[in-house]
PDB file of N, CA and C in Angstrom:
ATOM      1  N   MET A   1     -49.091  28.777  21.784  1.00  0.00           N
ATOM      2  CA  MET A   1     -47.730  28.934  21.313  1.00  0.00           C
ATOM      3  C   MET A   1     -46.797  29.104  22.503  1.00  0.00           C
ATOM      4  N   GLN A   2     -45.704  28.382  22.480  1.00  0.00           N
ATOM      5  CA  GLN A   2     -44.736  28.435  23.574  1.00  0.00           C
ATOM      6  C   GLN A   2     -43.823  29.638  23.432  1.00  0.00           C
ATOM      7  N   ASN A   3     -43.523  30.278  24.551  1.00  0.00           N
ATOM      8  CA  ASN A   3     -42.551  31.375  24.541  1.00  0.00           C
ATOM      9  C   ASN A   3     -41.152  30.795  24.488  1.00  0.00           C
ATOM     10  N   LYS A   4     -40.366  31.270  23.570  1.00  0.00           N
ATOM     11  CA  LYS A   4     -38.978  30.847  23.482  1.00  0.00           C
ATOM     12  C   LYS A   4     -38.121  31.896  24.157  1.00  0.00           C
ATOM     13  N   LYS A   5     -37.186  31.439  24.941  1.00  0.00           N
ATOM     14  CA  LYS A   5     -36.266  32.356  25.594  1.00  0.00           C
ATOM     15  C   LYS A   5     -35.293  32.889  24.543  1.00  0.00           C
ATOM     16  N   THR A   6     -35.216  34.202  24.459  1.00  0.00           N
ATOM     17  CA  THR A   6     -34.311  34.828  23.507  1.00  0.00           C
ATOM     18  C   THR A   6     -32.922  34.928  24.112  1.00  0.00           C
ATOM     19  N   THR A   7     -31.936  34.480  23.351  1.00  0.00           N
ATOM     20  CA  THR A   7     -30.556  34.584  23.797  1.00  0.00           C
ATOM     21  C   THR A   7     -29.844  35.604  22.919  1.00  0.00           C
ATOM     22  N   GLU A   8     -28.653  35.904  23.269  1.00  0.00           N
ATOM     23  CA  GLU A   8     -27.864  36.827  22.466  1.00  0.00           C
ATOM     24  C   GLU A   8     -26.524  36.188  22.095  1.00  0.00           C
ATOM     25  N   HIS A   9     -26.533  34.869  21.962  1.00  0.00           N
ATOM     26  CA  HIS A   9     -25.310  34.153  21.618  1.00  0.00           C
ATOM     27  C   HIS A   9     -24.794  34.541  20.236  1.00  0.00           C
ATOM     28  N   TYR A  10     -25.682  34.987  19.363  1.00  0.00           N
ATOM     29  CA  TYR A  10     -25.283  35.377  18.013  1.00  0.00           C
ATOM     30  C   TYR A  10     -24.373  36.602  18.004  1.00  0.00           C
ATOM     31  N   LYS A  11     -24.280  37.299  19.109  1.00  0.00           N
ATOM     32  CA  LYS A  11     -23.464  38.508  19.200  1.00  0.00           C
ATOM     33  C   LYS A  11     -22.016  38.219  19.598  1.00  0.00           C
ATOM     34  N   PHE A  12     -21.710  36.965  19.873  1.00  0.00           N
ATOM     35  CA  PHE A  12     -20.379  36.635  20.380  1.00  0.00           C
ATOM     36  C   PHE A  12     -19.873  35.345  19.769  1.00  0.00           C
ATOM     37  N   PHE A  13     -18.634  35.365  19.313  1.00  0.00           N
ATOM     38  CA  PHE A  13     -17.968  34.176  18.788  1.00  0.00           C
ATOM     39  C   PHE A  13     -16.494  34.281  19.150  1.00  0.00           C
ATOM     40  N   GLN A  14     -15.927  33.161  19.491  1.00  0.00           N
ATOM     41  CA  GLN A  14     -14.510  33.172  19.851  1.00  0.00           C
ATOM     42  C   GLN A  14     -13.811  31.988  19.190  1.00  0.00           C
ATOM     43  N   ASN A  15     -12.633  32.257  18.616  1.00  0.00           N
ATOM     44  CA  ASN A  15     -11.848  31.202  17.981  1.00  0.00           C
ATOM     45  C   ASN A  15     -10.472  31.159  18.642  1.00  0.00           C
ATOM     46  N   LYS A  16     -10.383  30.453  19.740  1.00  0.00           N
ATOM     47  CA  LYS A  16      -9.125  30.377  20.484  1.00  0.00           C
ATOM     48  C   LYS A  16      -8.060  29.580  19.746  1.00  0.00           C
ATOM     49  N   LYS A  17      -8.448  28.829  18.721  1.00  0.00           N
ATOM     50  CA  LYS A  17      -7.474  28.070  17.941  1.00  0.00           C
ATOM     51  C   LYS A  17      -6.815  28.917  16.857  1.00  0.00           C
ATOM     52  N   CYS A  18      -7.323  30.107  16.643  1.00  0.00           N
ATOM     53  CA  CYS A  18      -6.735  31.000  15.640  1.00  0.00           C
ATOM     54  C   CYS A  18      -5.310  31.358  16.045  1.00  0.00           C
ATOM     55  N   GLU A  19      -4.405  31.304  15.091  1.00  0.00           N
ATOM     56  CA  GLU A  19      -2.999  31.607  15.405  1.00  0.00           C
ATOM     57  C   GLU A  19      -2.778  33.059  15.797  1.00  0.00           C
ATOM     58  N   PHE A  20      -3.765  33.919  15.577  1.00  0.00           N
ATOM     59  CA  PHE A  20      -3.636  35.331  15.937  1.00  0.00           C
ATOM     60  C   PHE A  20      -4.428  35.692  17.193  1.00  0.00           C
ATOM     61  N   PHE A  21      -5.092  34.712  17.814  1.00  0.00           N
ATOM     62  CA  PHE A  21      -5.944  34.994  18.978  1.00  0.00           C
ATOM     63  C   PHE A  21      -5.126  35.354  20.199  1.00  0.00           C
ATOM     64  N   PRO A  22      -5.490  36.415  20.881  1.00  0.00           N
ATOM     65  CA  PRO A  22      -6.298  37.533  20.410  1.00  0.00           C
ATOM     66  C   PRO A  22      -5.441  38.455  19.548  1.00  0.00           C
ATOM     67  N   CYS A  23      -6.038  39.056  18.559  1.00  0.00           N
ATOM     68  CA  CYS A  23      -5.279  39.872  17.609  1.00  0.00           C
ATOM     69  C   CYS A  23      -5.003  41.284  18.127  1.00  0.00           C
ATOM     70  N   HIS A  24      -5.506  41.608  19.299  1.00  0.00           N
ATOM     71  CA  HIS A  24      -5.249  42.895  19.949  1.00  0.00           C
ATOM     72  C   HIS A  24      -4.850  42.625  21.395  1.00  0.00           C
ATOM     73  N   LYS A  25      -4.115  43.540  21.986  1.00  0.00           N
ATOM     74  CA  LYS A  25      -3.755  43.407  23.397  1.00  0.00           C
ATOM     75  C   LYS A  25      -4.994  43.696  24.240  1.00  0.00           C
ATOM     76  N   VAL A  26      -5.364  42.726  25.068  1.00  0.00           N
ATOM     77  CA  VAL A  26      -6.534  42.866  25.935  1.00  0.00           C
ATOM     78  C   VAL A  26      -6.199  42.351  27.323  1.00  0.00           C
ATOM     79  N   THR A  27      -6.971  42.798  28.303  1.00  0.00           N
ATOM     80  CA  THR A  27      -6.748  42.342  29.668  1.00  0.00           C
ATOM     81  C   THR A  27      -7.466  41.027  29.954  1.00  0.00           C
ATOM     82  N   ASN A  28      -8.599  40.785  29.280  1.00  0.00           N
ATOM     83  CA  ASN A  28      -9.367  39.574  29.531  1.00  0.00           C
ATOM     84  C   ASN A  28      -9.677  38.856  28.218  1.00  0.00           C
ATOM     85  N   LYS A  29      -8.954  37.792  27.936  1.00  0.00           N
ATOM     86  CA  LYS A  29      -9.143  37.040  26.694  1.00  0.00           C
ATOM     87  C   LYS A  29     -10.511  36.366  26.618  1.00  0.00           C
ATOM     88  N   ASP A  30     -11.118  36.063  27.770  1.00  0.00           N
ATOM     89  CA  ASP A  30     -12.412  35.386  27.770  1.00  0.00           C
ATOM     90  C   ASP A  30     -13.523  36.265  27.209  1.00  0.00           C
ATOM     91  N   ASP A  31     -13.349  37.571  27.251  1.00  0.00           N
ATOM     92  CA  ASP A  31     -14.357  38.499  26.720  1.00  0.00           C
ATOM     93  C   ASP A  31     -14.056  38.928  25.284  1.00  0.00           C
ATOM     94  N   PHE A  32     -12.973  38.435  24.708  1.00  0.00           N
ATOM     95  CA  PHE A  32     -12.566  38.852  23.370  1.00  0.00           C
ATOM     96  C   PHE A  32     -13.490  38.243  22.324  1.00  0.00           C
ATOM     97  N   ASN A  33     -14.131  39.092  21.534  1.00  0.00           N
ATOM     98  CA  ASN A  33     -15.099  38.658  20.540  1.00  0.00           C
ATOM     99  C   ASN A  33     -14.464  38.634  19.151  1.00  0.00           C
ATOM    100  N   CYS A  34     -14.499  37.478  18.508  1.00  0.00           N
ATOM    101  CA  CYS A  34     -13.926  37.310  17.167  1.00  0.00           C
ATOM    102  C   CYS A  34     -14.980  37.449  16.062  1.00  0.00           C
ATOM    103  N   LEU A  35     -16.203  37.759  16.418  1.00  0.00           N
ATOM    104  CA  LEU A  35     -17.292  37.804  15.442  1.00  0.00           C
ATOM    105  C   LEU A  35     -16.963  38.701  14.255  1.00  0.00           C
ATOM    106  N   PHE A  36     -16.435  39.880  14.539  1.00  0.00           N
ATOM    107  CA  PHE A  36     -16.049  40.801  13.467  1.00  0.00           C
ATOM    108  C   PHE A  36     -14.530  40.786  13.335  1.00  0.00           C
ATOM    109  N   CYS A  37     -14.014  39.671  12.873  1.00  0.00           N
ATOM    110  CA  CYS A  37     -12.570  39.516  12.719  1.00  0.00           C
ATOM    111  C   CYS A  37     -12.021  40.623  11.821  1.00  0.00           C
ATOM    112  N   PHE A  38     -12.705  40.881  10.734  1.00  0.00           N
ATOM    113  CA  PHE A  38     -12.386  42.043   9.905  1.00  0.00           C
ATOM    114  C   PHE A  38     -13.510  43.034  10.129  1.00  0.00           C
ATOM    115  N   CYS A  39     -13.195  44.205  10.601  1.00  0.00           N
ATOM    116  CA  CYS A  39     -14.217  45.183  10.976  1.00  0.00           C
ATOM    117  C   CYS A  39     -14.999  45.675   9.758  1.00  0.00           C
ATOM    118  N   PRO A  40     -16.317  45.531   9.771  1.00  0.00           N
ATOM    119  CA  PRO A  40     -17.127  46.017   8.659  1.00  0.00           C
ATOM    120  C   PRO A  40     -17.163  47.539   8.563  1.00  0.00           C
ATOM    121  N   LEU A  41     -16.634  48.225   9.567  1.00  0.00           N
ATOM    122  CA  LEU A  41     -16.627  49.687   9.539  1.00  0.00           C
ATOM    123  C   LEU A  41     -15.350  50.253   8.936  1.00  0.00           C
ATOM    124  N   TYR A  42     -14.429  49.407   8.567  1.00  0.00           N
ATOM    125  CA  TYR A  42     -13.148  49.855   8.015  1.00  0.00           C
ATOM    126  C   TYR A  42     -13.352  50.824   6.855  1.00  0.00           C
ATOM    127  N   MET A  43     -14.310  50.532   6.014  1.00  0.00           N
ATOM    128  CA  MET A  43     -14.537  51.354   4.826  1.00  0.00           C
ATOM    129  C   MET A  43     -15.103  52.739   5.133  1.00  0.00           C
ATOM    130  N   LEU A  44     -15.505  52.981   6.373  1.00  0.00           N
ATOM    131  CA  LEU A  44     -16.020  54.298   6.739  1.00  0.00           C
ATOM    132  C   LEU A  44     -14.907  55.309   6.961  1.00  0.00           C
ATOM    133  N   LYS A  45     -13.688  54.856   6.842  1.00  0.00           N
ATOM    134  CA  LYS A  45     -12.497  55.699   7.001  1.00  0.00           C
ATOM    135  C   LYS A  45     -12.553  56.480   8.309  1.00  0.00           C
ATOM    136  N   ASP A  46     -12.560  57.816   8.246  1.00  0.00           N
ATOM    137  CA  ASP A  46     -12.513  58.639   9.459  1.00  0.00           C
ATOM    138  C   ASP A  46     -13.810  58.625  10.256  1.00  0.00           C
ATOM    139  N   LYS A  47     -14.875  58.074   9.711  1.00  0.00           N
ATOM    140  CA  LYS A  47     -16.187  58.102  10.363  1.00  0.00           C
ATOM    141  C   LYS A  47     -16.547  56.796  11.071  1.00  0.00           C
ATOM    142  N   CYS A  48     -15.593  55.883  11.210  1.00  0.00           N
ATOM    143  CA  CYS A  48     -15.894  54.579  11.806  1.00  0.00           C
ATOM    144  C   CYS A  48     -16.171  54.676  13.304  1.00  0.00           C
ATOM    145  N   GLY A  49     -15.580  55.655  13.963  1.00  0.00           N
ATOM    146  CA  GLY A  49     -15.788  55.816  15.403  1.00  0.00           C
ATOM    147  C   GLY A  49     -14.777  55.065  16.248  1.00  0.00           C
ATOM    148  N   GLY A  50     -13.835  54.419  15.618  1.00  0.00           N
ATOM    149  CA  GLY A  50     -12.845  53.628  16.353  1.00  0.00           C
ATOM    150  C   GLY A  50     -11.559  54.375  16.621  1.00  0.00           C
ATOM    151  N   ASN A  51     -10.672  53.707  17.312  1.00  0.00           N
ATOM    152  CA  ASN A  51      -9.367  54.255  17.669  1.00  0.00           C
ATOM    153  C   ASN A  51      -8.352  53.783  16.628  1.00  0.00           C
ATOM    154  N   PHE A  52      -8.159  54.584  15.592  1.00  0.00           N
ATOM    155  CA  PHE A  52      -7.257  54.204  14.511  1.00  0.00           C
ATOM    156  C   PHE A  52      -6.281  55.337  14.238  1.00  0.00           C
ATOM    157  N   LYS A  53      -5.308  55.019  13.408  1.00  0.00           N
ATOM    158  CA  LYS A  53      -4.365  56.032  12.943  1.00  0.00           C
ATOM    159  C   LYS A  53      -4.001  55.658  11.514  1.00  0.00           C
ATOM    160  N   TYR A  54      -3.360  56.567  10.813  1.00  0.00           N
ATOM    161  CA  TYR A  54      -2.874  56.265   9.472  1.00  0.00           C
ATOM    162  C   TYR A  54      -1.372  56.063   9.538  1.00  0.00           C
ATOM    163  N   THR A  55      -0.915  54.961   8.997  1.00  0.00           N
ATOM    164  CA  THR A  55       0.504  54.649   8.933  1.00  0.00           C
ATOM    165  C   THR A  55       0.874  54.527   7.463  1.00  0.00           C
ATOM    166  N   ASN A  56       1.705  55.429   6.999  1.00  0.00           N
ATOM    167  CA  ASN A  56       2.087  55.462   5.579  1.00  0.00           C
ATOM    168  C   ASN A  56       0.861  55.486   4.670  1.00  0.00           C
ATOM    169  N   GLY A  57      -0.171  56.241   5.076  1.00  0.00           N
ATOM    170  CA  GLY A  57      -1.375  56.386   4.270  1.00  0.00           C
ATOM    171  C   GLY A  57      -2.353  55.238   4.362  1.00  0.00           C
ATOM    172  N   ILE A  58      -2.076  54.254   5.196  1.00  0.00           N
ATOM    173  CA  ILE A  58      -2.955  53.095   5.341  1.00  0.00           C
ATOM    174  C   ILE A  58      -3.596  53.129   6.728  1.00  0.00           C
ATOM    175  N   LYS A  59      -4.898  52.901   6.775  1.00  0.00           N
ATOM    176  CA  LYS A  59      -5.623  52.901   8.040  1.00  0.00           C
ATOM    177  C   LYS A  59      -5.134  51.743   8.903  1.00  0.00           C
ATOM    178  N   ASP A  60      -4.702  52.068  10.111  1.00  0.00           N
ATOM    179  CA  ASP A  60      -4.160  51.088  11.059  1.00  0.00           C
ATOM    180  C   ASP A  60      -5.098  51.013  12.260  1.00  0.00           C
ATOM    181  N   CYS A  61      -5.781  49.901  12.396  1.00  0.00           N
ATOM    182  CA  CYS A  61      -6.776  49.717  13.462  1.00  0.00           C
ATOM    183  C   CYS A  61      -6.246  48.855  14.610  1.00  0.00           C
ATOM    184  N   SER A  62      -4.944  48.676  14.678  1.00  0.00           N
ATOM    185  CA  SER A  62      -4.387  47.766  15.674  1.00  0.00           C
ATOM    186  C   SER A  62      -4.633  48.220  17.114  1.00  0.00           C
ATOM    187  N   ASP A  63      -4.915  49.485  17.333  1.00  0.00           N
ATOM    188  CA  ASP A  63      -5.216  49.970  18.688  1.00  0.00           C
ATOM    189  C   ASP A  63      -6.709  50.020  18.978  1.00  0.00           C
ATOM    190  N   CYS A  64      -7.538  49.573  18.070  1.00  0.00           N
ATOM    191  CA  CYS A  64      -8.993  49.619  18.251  1.00  0.00           C
ATOM    192  C   CYS A  64      -9.527  48.245  18.628  1.00  0.00           C
ATOM    193  N   THR A  65     -10.281  48.195  19.707  1.00  0.00           N
ATOM    194  CA  THR A  65     -10.885  46.925  20.135  1.00  0.00           C
ATOM    195  C   THR A  65     -12.410  46.976  20.119  1.00  0.00           C
ATOM    196  N   ILE A  66     -12.999  48.015  19.526  1.00  0.00           N
ATOM    197  CA  ILE A  66     -14.466  48.126  19.504  1.00  0.00           C
ATOM    198  C   ILE A  66     -15.135  46.871  18.950  1.00  0.00           C
ATOM    199  N   PRO A  67     -14.707  46.337  17.790  1.00  0.00           N
ATOM    200  CA  PRO A  67     -15.394  45.153  17.265  1.00  0.00           C
ATOM    201  C   PRO A  67     -15.264  43.927  18.167  1.00  0.00           C
ATOM    202  N   HIS A  68     -14.261  43.935  19.013  1.00  0.00           N
ATOM    203  CA  HIS A  68     -13.988  42.774  19.866  1.00  0.00           C
ATOM    204  C   HIS A  68     -14.492  42.951  21.293  1.00  0.00           C
ATOM    205  N   SER A  69     -15.143  44.074  21.567  1.00  0.00           N
ATOM    206  CA  SER A  69     -15.574  44.386  22.933  1.00  0.00           C
ATOM    207  C   SER A  69     -16.985  43.886  23.224  1.00  0.00           C
ATOM    208  N   LYS A  70     -17.369  44.001  24.456  1.00  0.00           N
ATOM    209  CA  LYS A  70     -18.667  43.500  24.914  1.00  0.00           C
ATOM    210  C   LYS A  70     -19.832  44.139  24.151  1.00  0.00           C
ATOM    211  N   ASN A  71     -19.800  45.434  23.926  1.00  0.00           N
ATOM    212  CA  ASN A  71     -20.878  46.118  23.215  1.00  0.00           C
ATOM    213  C   ASN A  71     -20.530  46.409  21.762  1.00  0.00           C
ATOM    214  N   GLY A  72     -19.515  45.746  21.254  1.00  0.00           N
ATOM    215  CA  GLY A  72     -19.076  45.965  19.886  1.00  0.00           C
ATOM    216  C   GLY A  72     -20.134  45.629  18.851  1.00  0.00           C
ATOM    217  N   TYR A  73     -20.897  44.577  19.095  1.00  0.00           N
ATOM    218  CA  TYR A  73     -21.946  44.179  18.154  1.00  0.00           C
ATOM    219  C   TYR A  73     -22.936  45.319  17.948  1.00  0.00           C
ATOM    220  N   GLU A  74     -23.420  45.883  19.040  1.00  0.00           N
ATOM    221  CA  GLU A  74     -24.389  46.972  18.965  1.00  0.00           C
ATOM    222  C   GLU A  74     -23.783  48.200  18.274  1.00  0.00           C
ATOM    223  N   PHE A  75     -22.534  48.512  18.620  1.00  0.00           N
ATOM    224  CA  PHE A  75     -21.859  49.664  18.027  1.00  0.00           C
ATOM    225  C   PHE A  75     -21.797  49.511  16.504  1.00  0.00           C
ATOM    226  N   ILE A  76     -21.366  48.347  16.050  1.00  0.00           N
ATOM    227  CA  ILE A  76     -21.227  48.109  14.618  1.00  0.00           C
ATOM    228  C   ILE A  76     -22.576  48.088  13.920  1.00  0.00           C
ATOM    229  N   MET A  77     -23.548  47.408  14.491  1.00  0.00           N
ATOM    230  CA  MET A  77     -24.859  47.330  13.851  1.00  0.00           C
ATOM    231  C   MET A  77     -25.511  48.706  13.735  1.00  0.00           C
ATOM    232  N   ASN A  78     -25.240  49.590  14.678  1.00  0.00           N
ATOM    233  CA  ASN A  78     -25.796  50.948  14.617  1.00  0.00           C
ATOM    234  C   ASN A  78     -25.176  51.774  13.504  1.00  0.00           C
ATOM    235  N   LYS A  79     -24.043  51.360  12.971  1.00  0.00           N
ATOM    236  CA  LYS A  79     -23.375  52.097  11.899  1.00  0.00           C
ATOM    237  C   LYS A  79     -23.498  51.408  10.533  1.00  0.00           C
ATOM    238  N   MET A  80     -24.186  50.291  10.482  1.00  0.00           N
ATOM    239  CA  MET A  80     -24.266  49.539   9.230  1.00  0.00           C
ATOM    240  C   MET A  80     -25.025  50.285   8.132  1.00  0.00           C
ATOM    241  N   ASP A  81     -25.952  51.169   8.479  1.00  0.00           N
ATOM    242  CA  ASP A  81     -26.626  51.967   7.454  1.00  0.00           C
ATOM    243  C   ASP A  81     -25.617  52.803   6.670  1.00  0.00           C
ATOM    244  N   GLU A  82     -24.610  53.337   7.378  1.00  0.00           N
ATOM    245  CA  GLU A  82     -23.573  54.128   6.715  1.00  0.00           C
ATOM    246  C   GLU A  82     -22.745  53.251   5.771  1.00  0.00           C
ATOM    247  N   VAL A  83     -22.442  52.040   6.208  1.00  0.00           N
ATOM    248  CA  VAL A  83     -21.672  51.109   5.377  1.00  0.00           C
ATOM    249  C   VAL A  83     -22.469  50.755   4.130  1.00  0.00           C
ATOM    250  N   ILE A  84     -23.742  50.457   4.309  1.00  0.00           N
ATOM    251  CA  ILE A  84     -24.611  50.101   3.170  1.00  0.00           C
ATOM    252  C   ILE A  84     -24.707  51.271   2.195  1.00  0.00           C
ATOM    253  N   LYS A  85     -24.826  52.474   2.729  1.00  0.00           N
ATOM    254  CA  LYS A  85     -24.914  53.657   1.868  1.00  0.00           C
ATOM    255  C   LYS A  85     -23.652  53.806   1.021  1.00  0.00           C
ATOM    256  N   ILE A  86     -22.500  53.652   1.606  1.00  0.00           N
ATOM    257  CA  ILE A  86     -21.243  53.742   0.858  1.00  0.00           C
ATOM    258  C   ILE A  86     -21.165  52.644  -0.194  1.00  0.00           C
ATOM    259  N   GLY A  87     -21.564  51.443   0.175  1.00  0.00           N
ATOM    260  CA  GLY A  87     -21.544  50.334  -0.764  1.00  0.00           C
ATOM    261  C   GLY A  87     -22.476  50.553  -1.943  1.00  0.00           C
ATOM    262  N   SER A  88     -23.635  51.146  -1.696  1.00  0.00           N
ATOM    263  CA  SER A  88     -24.585  51.361  -2.781  1.00  0.00           C
ATOM    264  C   SER A  88     -24.171  52.515  -3.679  1.00  0.00           C
ATOM    265  N   GLU A  89     -23.358  53.437  -3.170  1.00  0.00           N
ATOM    266  CA  GLU A  89     -22.867  54.555  -3.984  1.00  0.00           C
ATOM    267  C   GLU A  89     -21.866  54.075  -5.025  1.00  0.00           C
ATOM    268  N   LYS A  90     -21.230  52.953  -4.791  1.00  0.00           N
ATOM    269  CA  LYS A  90     -20.206  52.443  -5.701  1.00  0.00           C
ATOM    270  C   LYS A  90     -20.824  51.671  -6.868  1.00  0.00           C
ATOM    271  N   ASP A  91     -22.101  51.357  -6.776  1.00  0.00           N
ATOM    272  CA  ASP A  91     -22.758  50.600  -7.857  1.00  0.00           C
ATOM    273  C   ASP A  91     -22.980  51.436  -9.091  1.00  0.00           C
TER     274      ASP A  91
END
Protein backbone atom coordinates (compact mmCIF):
# COMPACT_ATOMS: atom_id res chain seq x y z
CA MET A 1 0.00 0.00 0.00
CA GLN A 2 1.32 3.41 -0.97
CA ASN A 3 1.64 6.15 1.62
CA LYS A 4 -0.39 9.18 0.68
CA LYS A 5 0.88 12.56 1.74
CA THR A 6 -1.67 14.16 4.03
CA THR A 7 -2.46 17.78 3.29
CA GLU A 8 -4.49 20.27 5.23
CA HIS A 9 -6.03 22.10 2.28
CA TYR A 10 -9.49 21.28 3.64
CA LYS A 11 -8.86 23.76 6.46
CA PHE A 12 -8.60 26.77 4.16
CA PHE A 13 -10.82 28.29 1.48
CA GLN A 14 -10.79 31.74 0.00
CA ASN A 15 -13.34 33.48 -2.21
CA LYS A 16 -11.71 36.66 -3.49
CA LYS A 17 -14.63 37.20 -5.88
CA CYS A 18 -17.03 37.66 -2.97
CA GLU A 19 -18.31 41.22 -2.84
CA PHE A 20 -17.61 41.27 0.91
CA PHE A 21 -14.04 39.88 0.74
CA PRO A 22 -12.56 40.29 3.25
CA CYS A 23 -15.52 40.79 5.55
CA HIS A 24 -13.28 41.88 8.44
CA LYS A 25 -10.39 44.33 8.62
CA VAL A 26 -7.17 42.33 8.33
CA THR A 27 -3.53 43.10 7.68
CA ASN A 28 -2.93 40.20 5.28
CA LYS A 29 -5.73 39.28 2.86
CA ASP A 30 -3.77 36.25 1.60
CA ASP A 31 -4.22 34.52 4.97
CA PHE A 32 -7.94 35.34 5.23
CA ASN A 33 -9.94 32.11 5.48
CA CYS A 34 -13.51 32.10 4.14
CA LEU A 35 -14.21 28.48 5.13
CA PHE A 36 -16.45 29.52 8.02
CA CYS A 37 -18.15 32.44 6.34
CA PHE A 38 -20.89 32.17 8.93
CA CYS A 39 -19.34 31.15 12.23
CA PRO A 40 -20.73 27.85 13.53
CA LEU A 41 -20.02 29.07 17.07
CA TYR A 42 -22.46 31.97 16.85
CA MET A 43 -25.12 29.96 18.65
CA LEU A 44 -22.86 29.48 21.67
CA LYS A 45 -23.60 33.09 22.60
CA ASP A 46 -21.23 34.16 25.41
CA LYS A 47 -19.32 30.85 25.31
CA CYS A 48 -18.03 31.06 21.72
CA GLY A 49 -14.61 32.33 22.79
CA GLY A 50 -14.54 35.10 20.20
CA ASN A 51 -14.26 38.86 20.32
CA PHE A 52 -17.88 39.97 20.13
CA LYS A 53 -20.20 42.53 21.64
CA TYR A 54 -23.95 43.00 21.82
CA THR A 55 -25.43 45.85 19.81
CA ASN A 56 -29.09 46.52 20.55
CA GLY A 57 -29.36 42.99 21.97
CA ILE A 58 -27.90 41.34 18.86
CA LYS A 59 -24.56 39.54 18.90
CA ASP A 60 -22.08 41.53 16.79
CA CYS A 61 -19.04 39.53 15.67
CA SER A 62 -17.60 42.16 13.34
CA ASP A 63 -14.47 42.51 15.50
CA CYS A 64 -13.82 38.75 15.66
CA THR A 65 -11.49 37.12 13.15
CA ILE A 66 -11.08 33.70 14.83
CA PRO A 67 -12.97 31.79 12.09
CA HIS A 68 -10.88 33.53 9.45
CA SER A 69 -7.49 33.10 11.12
CA LYS A 70 -4.72 30.60 10.56
CA ASN A 71 -5.71 28.37 13.51
CA GLY A 72 -9.41 29.13 13.26
CA TYR A 73 -10.27 25.68 11.93
CA GLU A 74 -8.79 23.96 14.98
CA PHE A 75 -10.40 26.46 17.36
CA ILE A 76 -13.85 25.90 15.88
CA MET A 77 -13.56 22.13 15.61
CA ASN A 78 -12.55 21.94 19.28
CA LYS A 79 -15.84 23.64 20.22
CA MET A 80 -18.15 21.70 17.91
CA ASP A 81 -19.18 19.28 20.69
CA GLU A 82 -20.74 22.27 22.47
CA VAL A 83 -22.58 23.30 19.29
CA ILE A 84 -23.87 19.75 18.76
CA LYS A 85 -25.02 19.58 22.38
CA ILE A 86 -27.02 22.79 22.04
CA GLY A 87 -28.51 21.59 18.76
CA SER A 88 -29.58 18.28 20.26
CA GLU A 89 -31.20 20.00 23.25
CA LYS A 90 -33.61 21.77 20.89
CA ASP A 91 -34.96 18.49 19.48
